Amino acid sequence: MITFDPRHINEDRSNWISAGSKITSESSLALIREELEDEGPILVCHWFYKAGCGPDFLLFNEEQEFIQYLVDSAHAGDAIGVWSCLRITNNLEPIADGKCPDKNERIPEFGSY
């Protein structure tokens, strides 16, 4: 079982409850494990509870890397969203794309990708 130290004492008015969606639930971890094993990398968005900053975005290829990230970097109240990288890249158009040029600003017309 993964537990988190609170970043802030529960003196706030957030109404901490026992019921609700938890990233550490067996069902959540099973879905993440299945995605990593069957499809590929996951995109993780980590919103920090009462941190006054934007979210962090990370990619993980292995379940244990993801779990270790939670243990090392997440705190009680943080929100974690997980998406399939395969589904994102197959269903969404990129906002920009292109090839990396060489020192003469040339790009290959063809190539194996």
N, C-alpha and C. Protein backbone atom coordinates (compact mmCIF):
# COMPACT_ATOMS: atom_id res chain seq x y z
N MET A 1 0.84 -1.18 0.00
CA MET A 1 0.00 0.00 0.00
C MET A 1 0.88 1.23 0.00
N ILE A 2 0.57 2.16 -0.87
CA ILE A 2 1.31 3.41 -0.96
C ILE A 2 0.59 4.45 -0.11
N THR A 3 1.33 5.12 0.76
CA THR A 3 0.76 6.20 1.55
C THR A 3 1.59 7.45 1.31
N PHE A 4 0.98 8.59 1.54
CA PHE A 4 1.63 9.86 1.26
C PHE A 4 1.61 10.74 2.48
N ASP A 5 2.69 11.46 2.70
CA ASP A 5 2.72 12.46 3.75
C ASP A 5 1.96 13.67 3.25
N PRO A 6 1.17 14.28 4.09
CA PRO A 6 0.46 15.48 3.66
C PRO A 6 1.42 16.64 3.51
N ARG A 7 1.23 17.41 2.45
CA ARG A 7 2.03 18.61 2.26
C ARG A 7 1.50 19.70 3.19
N HIS A 8 0.21 19.66 3.45
CA HIS A 8 -0.45 20.64 4.31
C HIS A 8 -1.29 19.88 5.33
N ILE A 9 -1.33 20.38 6.53
CA ILE A 9 -2.18 19.77 7.55
C ILE A 9 -3.63 20.01 7.16
N ASN A 10 -4.49 19.10 7.51
CA ASN A 10 -5.88 19.15 7.08
C ASN A 10 -6.71 20.24 7.77
N GLU A 11 -6.12 21.40 8.02
CA GLU A 11 -6.89 22.47 8.62
C GLU A 11 -7.70 23.22 7.57
N ASP A 12 -7.52 22.87 6.31
CA ASP A 12 -8.25 23.56 5.25
C ASP A 12 -9.71 23.10 5.21
N ARG A 13 -10.45 23.61 4.27
CA ARG A 13 -11.87 23.28 4.15
C ARG A 13 -12.13 22.36 2.97
N SER A 14 -11.19 21.50 2.66
CA SER A 14 -11.30 20.62 1.50
C SER A 14 -12.18 19.41 1.76
N ASN A 15 -12.62 19.20 2.99
CA ASN A 15 -13.50 18.09 3.33
C ASN A 15 -12.89 16.75 2.92
N TRP A 16 -11.84 16.36 3.57
CA TRP A 16 -11.16 15.10 3.27
C TRP A 16 -12.10 13.94 3.58
N ILE A 17 -12.23 13.02 2.63
CA ILE A 17 -13.15 11.88 2.76
C ILE A 17 -12.42 10.58 2.44
N SER A 18 -12.99 9.47 2.86
CA SER A 18 -12.39 8.16 2.58
C SER A 18 -12.81 7.60 1.23
N ALA A 19 -14.03 7.89 0.81
CA ALA A 19 -14.53 7.38 -0.46
C ALA A 19 -14.01 8.26 -1.59
N GLY A 20 -13.92 7.69 -2.79
CA GLY A 20 -13.51 8.47 -3.96
C GLY A 20 -12.41 7.78 -4.74
N SER A 21 -12.11 8.34 -5.86
CA SER A 21 -11.12 7.77 -6.78
C SER A 21 -9.70 8.02 -6.25
N LYS A 22 -8.95 6.93 -6.12
CA LYS A 22 -7.57 7.02 -5.63
C LYS A 22 -6.63 6.40 -6.66
N ILE A 23 -5.57 7.10 -6.99
CA ILE A 23 -4.62 6.60 -7.98
C ILE A 23 -3.94 5.33 -7.50
N THR A 24 -3.91 5.12 -6.20
CA THR A 24 -3.25 3.95 -5.63
C THR A 24 -4.17 2.75 -5.44
N SER A 25 -5.43 2.87 -5.86
CA SER A 25 -6.34 1.73 -5.71
C SER A 25 -5.87 0.59 -6.60
N GLU A 26 -6.20 -0.62 -6.21
CA GLU A 26 -5.79 -1.78 -7.00
C GLU A 26 -6.37 -1.71 -8.41
N SER A 27 -7.59 -1.21 -8.55
CA SER A 27 -8.19 -1.12 -9.89
C SER A 27 -7.45 -0.09 -10.76
N SER A 28 -7.07 1.05 -10.19
CA SER A 28 -6.31 2.04 -10.95
C SER A 28 -4.95 1.49 -11.35
N LEU A 29 -4.25 0.89 -10.39
CA LEU A 29 -2.92 0.35 -10.69
C LEU A 29 -2.99 -0.80 -11.69
N ALA A 30 -4.07 -1.60 -11.64
CA ALA A 30 -4.22 -2.69 -12.61
C ALA A 30 -4.42 -2.14 -14.02
N LEU A 31 -5.21 -1.09 -14.16
CA LEU A 31 -5.39 -0.47 -15.48
C LEU A 31 -4.09 0.09 -16.03
N ILE A 32 -3.32 0.73 -15.17
CA ILE A 32 -2.03 1.29 -15.56
C ILE A 32 -1.07 0.17 -15.96
N ARG A 33 -1.01 -0.87 -15.14
CA ARG A 33 -0.15 -2.03 -15.43
C ARG A 33 -0.51 -2.65 -16.79
N GLU A 34 -1.80 -2.84 -17.02
CA GLU A 34 -2.27 -3.43 -18.27
C GLU A 34 -1.89 -2.55 -19.47
N GLU A 35 -2.07 -1.26 -19.32
CA GLU A 35 -1.72 -0.34 -20.42
C GLU A 35 -0.23 -0.42 -20.74
N LEU A 36 0.60 -0.40 -19.71
CA LEU A 36 2.04 -0.46 -19.91
C LEU A 36 2.47 -1.78 -20.53
N GLU A 37 1.87 -2.87 -20.12
CA GLU A 37 2.24 -4.19 -20.64
C GLU A 37 1.74 -4.42 -22.06
N ASP A 38 0.51 -3.96 -22.36
CA ASP A 38 -0.12 -4.29 -23.64
C ASP A 38 0.05 -3.24 -24.72
N GLU A 39 0.10 -1.97 -24.34
CA GLU A 39 0.07 -0.91 -25.34
C GLU A 39 1.34 -0.09 -25.41
N GLY A 40 1.90 0.26 -24.28
CA GLY A 40 3.11 1.07 -24.31
C GLY A 40 3.10 2.15 -23.25
N PRO A 41 3.85 3.22 -23.49
CA PRO A 41 4.06 4.25 -22.48
C PRO A 41 2.78 4.96 -22.05
N ILE A 42 2.84 5.55 -20.86
CA ILE A 42 1.74 6.34 -20.34
C ILE A 42 2.21 7.79 -20.15
N LEU A 43 1.29 8.71 -20.34
CA LEU A 43 1.51 10.11 -20.04
C LEU A 43 0.86 10.39 -18.70
N VAL A 44 1.60 10.98 -17.79
CA VAL A 44 1.10 11.27 -16.45
C VAL A 44 1.09 12.79 -16.25
N CYS A 45 -0.04 13.30 -15.78
CA CYS A 45 -0.15 14.70 -15.41
C CYS A 45 -0.31 14.75 -13.90
N HIS A 46 0.59 15.45 -13.24
CA HIS A 46 0.63 15.52 -11.78
C HIS A 46 0.31 16.95 -11.35
N TRP A 47 -0.90 17.13 -10.79
CA TRP A 47 -1.31 18.42 -10.24
C TRP A 47 -0.98 18.41 -8.75
N PHE A 48 -0.35 19.46 -8.27
CA PHE A 48 0.10 19.54 -6.89
C PHE A 48 -0.94 20.25 -6.02
N TYR A 49 -1.38 19.55 -4.98
CA TYR A 49 -2.39 20.09 -4.06
C TYR A 49 -1.84 21.31 -3.34
N LYS A 50 -2.50 22.43 -3.49
CA LYS A 50 -2.15 23.69 -2.83
C LYS A 50 -0.70 24.11 -3.04
N ALA A 51 -0.17 23.86 -4.22
CA ALA A 51 1.23 24.19 -4.46
C ALA A 51 1.40 25.52 -5.18
N GLY A 52 0.35 26.05 -5.78
CA GLY A 52 0.46 27.34 -6.45
C GLY A 52 1.29 27.28 -7.72
N CYS A 53 1.28 26.14 -8.39
CA CYS A 53 2.03 26.01 -9.64
C CYS A 53 1.24 25.12 -10.59
N GLY A 54 1.65 25.14 -11.83
CA GLY A 54 1.00 24.29 -12.83
C GLY A 54 1.41 22.84 -12.66
N PRO A 55 0.78 21.96 -13.42
CA PRO A 55 1.09 20.53 -13.30
C PRO A 55 2.40 20.16 -13.97
N ASP A 56 2.93 19.02 -13.58
CA ASP A 56 4.07 18.40 -14.26
C ASP A 56 3.54 17.33 -15.19
N PHE A 57 4.18 17.17 -16.35
CA PHE A 57 3.83 16.12 -17.30
C PHE A 57 5.03 15.20 -17.42
N LEU A 58 4.78 13.89 -17.33
CA LEU A 58 5.86 12.91 -17.37
C LEU A 58 5.44 11.71 -18.22
N LEU A 59 6.42 11.00 -18.75
CA LEU A 59 6.18 9.77 -19.49
C LEU A 59 6.83 8.62 -18.74
N PHE A 60 6.13 7.49 -18.71
CA PHE A 60 6.67 6.30 -18.06
C PHE A 60 6.49 5.10 -18.98
N ASN A 61 7.52 4.24 -18.99
CA ASN A 61 7.49 3.00 -19.77
C ASN A 61 7.28 1.78 -18.90
N GLU A 62 7.52 1.92 -17.61
CA GLU A 62 7.45 0.77 -16.70
C GLU A 62 6.64 1.12 -15.46
N GLU A 63 5.91 0.14 -14.99
CA GLU A 63 5.07 0.34 -13.80
C GLU A 63 5.92 0.74 -12.59
N GLN A 64 7.03 0.07 -12.38
CA GLN A 64 7.84 0.35 -11.20
C GLN A 64 8.39 1.78 -11.21
N GLU A 65 8.71 2.31 -12.38
CA GLU A 65 9.15 3.72 -12.49
C GLU A 65 8.03 4.65 -12.04
N PHE A 66 6.82 4.35 -12.48
CA PHE A 66 5.66 5.16 -12.11
C PHE A 66 5.41 5.10 -10.59
N ILE A 67 5.42 3.89 -10.04
CA ILE A 67 5.22 3.73 -8.60
C ILE A 67 6.29 4.48 -7.82
N GLN A 68 7.54 4.36 -8.24
CA GLN A 68 8.64 5.04 -7.54
C GLN A 68 8.46 6.56 -7.62
N TYR A 69 7.98 7.05 -8.75
CA TYR A 69 7.71 8.48 -8.88
C TYR A 69 6.66 8.91 -7.85
N LEU A 70 5.59 8.13 -7.72
CA LEU A 70 4.55 8.46 -6.74
C LEU A 70 5.13 8.51 -5.33
N VAL A 71 5.92 7.50 -4.99
CA VAL A 71 6.51 7.42 -3.65
C VAL A 71 7.43 8.61 -3.39
N ASP A 72 8.25 8.97 -4.37
CA ASP A 72 9.24 10.02 -4.19
C ASP A 72 8.69 11.44 -4.34
N SER A 73 7.66 11.62 -5.18
CA SER A 73 7.29 12.98 -5.57
C SER A 73 5.86 13.41 -5.25
N ALA A 74 4.97 12.49 -4.97
CA ALA A 74 3.58 12.86 -4.72
C ALA A 74 3.32 13.03 -3.22
N HIS A 75 2.33 13.87 -2.93
CA HIS A 75 1.93 14.12 -1.55
C HIS A 75 0.42 13.94 -1.43
N ALA A 76 -0.05 13.76 -0.23
CA ALA A 76 -1.48 13.61 0.00
C ALA A 76 -2.23 14.79 -0.59
N GLY A 77 -3.28 14.51 -1.33
CA GLY A 77 -4.10 15.53 -1.95
C GLY A 77 -3.73 15.83 -3.39
N ASP A 78 -2.53 15.46 -3.83
CA ASP A 78 -2.15 15.68 -5.22
C ASP A 78 -3.07 14.88 -6.13
N ALA A 79 -3.30 15.38 -7.33
CA ALA A 79 -4.14 14.69 -8.31
C ALA A 79 -3.25 14.18 -9.44
N ILE A 80 -3.48 12.94 -9.83
CA ILE A 80 -2.68 12.28 -10.87
C ILE A 80 -3.62 11.81 -11.97
N GLY A 81 -3.36 12.23 -13.20
CA GLY A 81 -4.09 11.75 -14.37
C GLY A 81 -3.16 10.92 -15.23
N VAL A 82 -3.68 9.84 -15.80
CA VAL A 82 -2.86 8.94 -16.61
C VAL A 82 -3.57 8.70 -17.94
N TRP A 83 -2.82 8.85 -19.03
CA TRP A 83 -3.35 8.62 -20.38
C TRP A 83 -2.45 7.67 -21.14
N SER A 84 -3.03 6.98 -22.09
CA SER A 84 -2.29 6.11 -22.98
C SER A 84 -1.61 6.96 -24.05
N CYS A 85 -0.30 6.88 -24.16
CA CYS A 85 0.41 7.62 -25.21
C CYS A 85 0.00 7.12 -26.59
N LEU A 86 -0.23 5.83 -26.73
CA LEU A 86 -0.62 5.26 -28.02
C LEU A 86 -1.94 5.85 -28.49
N ARG A 87 -2.92 5.93 -27.60
CA ARG A 87 -4.22 6.48 -28.00
C ARG A 87 -4.15 7.96 -28.29
N ILE A 88 -3.33 8.69 -27.53
CA ILE A 88 -3.17 10.12 -27.79
C ILE A 88 -2.56 10.34 -29.16
N THR A 89 -1.48 9.64 -29.47
CA THR A 89 -0.79 9.87 -30.73
C THR A 89 -1.57 9.34 -31.92
N ASN A 90 -2.45 8.36 -31.73
CA ASN A 90 -3.25 7.85 -32.83
C ASN A 90 -4.52 8.65 -33.07
N ASN A 91 -5.01 9.37 -32.08
CA ASN A 91 -6.30 10.03 -32.21
C ASN A 91 -6.23 11.55 -32.31
N LEU A 92 -5.09 12.13 -32.05
CA LEU A 92 -4.99 13.58 -32.06
C LEU A 92 -3.95 14.05 -33.07
N GLU A 93 -4.25 15.12 -33.72
CA GLU A 93 -3.27 15.74 -34.62
C GLU A 93 -2.28 16.54 -33.77
N PRO A 94 -1.00 16.47 -34.08
CA PRO A 94 -0.04 17.28 -33.33
C PRO A 94 -0.25 18.77 -33.63
N ILE A 95 0.11 19.62 -32.70
CA ILE A 95 0.00 21.06 -32.95
C ILE A 95 1.15 21.54 -33.84
N ALA A 96 2.22 20.79 -33.87
CA ALA A 96 3.36 21.09 -34.74
C ALA A 96 4.12 19.80 -34.96
N ASP A 97 4.73 19.69 -36.10
CA ASP A 97 5.62 18.56 -36.35
C ASP A 97 6.63 18.96 -37.41
N GLY A 98 7.63 18.18 -37.59
CA GLY A 98 8.68 18.46 -38.56
C GLY A 98 9.87 17.60 -38.28
N LYS A 99 10.83 17.67 -39.19
CA LYS A 99 12.06 16.91 -39.05
C LYS A 99 13.17 17.83 -38.55
N CYS A 100 14.13 17.25 -37.89
CA CYS A 100 15.26 18.02 -37.37
C CYS A 100 16.26 18.27 -38.50
N PRO A 101 16.60 19.54 -38.74
CA PRO A 101 17.53 19.84 -39.84
C PRO A 101 18.99 19.60 -39.45
N ASP A 102 19.80 19.43 -40.49
CA ASP A 102 21.24 19.33 -40.25
C ASP A 102 21.83 20.74 -40.15
N LYS A 103 23.15 20.86 -40.08
CA LYS A 103 23.78 22.17 -39.91
C LYS A 103 23.55 23.10 -41.09
N ASN A 104 23.16 22.54 -42.25
CA ASN A 104 22.86 23.34 -43.43
C ASN A 104 21.35 23.59 -43.60
N GLU A 105 20.59 23.27 -42.54
CA GLU A 105 19.14 23.45 -42.55
C GLU A 105 18.43 22.57 -43.57
N ARG A 106 19.00 21.40 -43.85
CA ARG A 106 18.38 20.44 -44.77
C ARG A 106 17.74 19.32 -43.95
N ILE A 107 16.64 18.79 -44.48
CA ILE A 107 15.98 17.64 -43.87
C ILE A 107 15.84 16.53 -44.91
N PRO A 108 15.79 15.26 -44.49
CA PRO A 108 15.62 14.18 -45.44
C PRO A 108 14.20 14.16 -46.01
N GLU A 109 14.11 13.98 -47.31
CA GLU A 109 12.80 13.87 -47.92
C GLU A 109 12.18 12.52 -47.59
N PHE A 110 13.00 11.50 -47.55
CA PHE A 110 12.56 10.15 -47.24
C PHE A 110 13.29 9.66 -45.99
N GLY A 111 12.88 8.55 -45.48
CA GLY A 111 13.56 7.97 -44.33
C GLY A 111 12.72 6.87 -43.72
N SER A 112 13.37 6.01 -43.00
CA SER A 112 12.64 4.95 -42.30
C SER A 112 12.38 5.39 -40.87
N TYR A 113 11.14 5.49 -40.51
CA TYR A 113 10.75 5.94 -39.17
C TYR A 113 9.88 4.90 -38.52
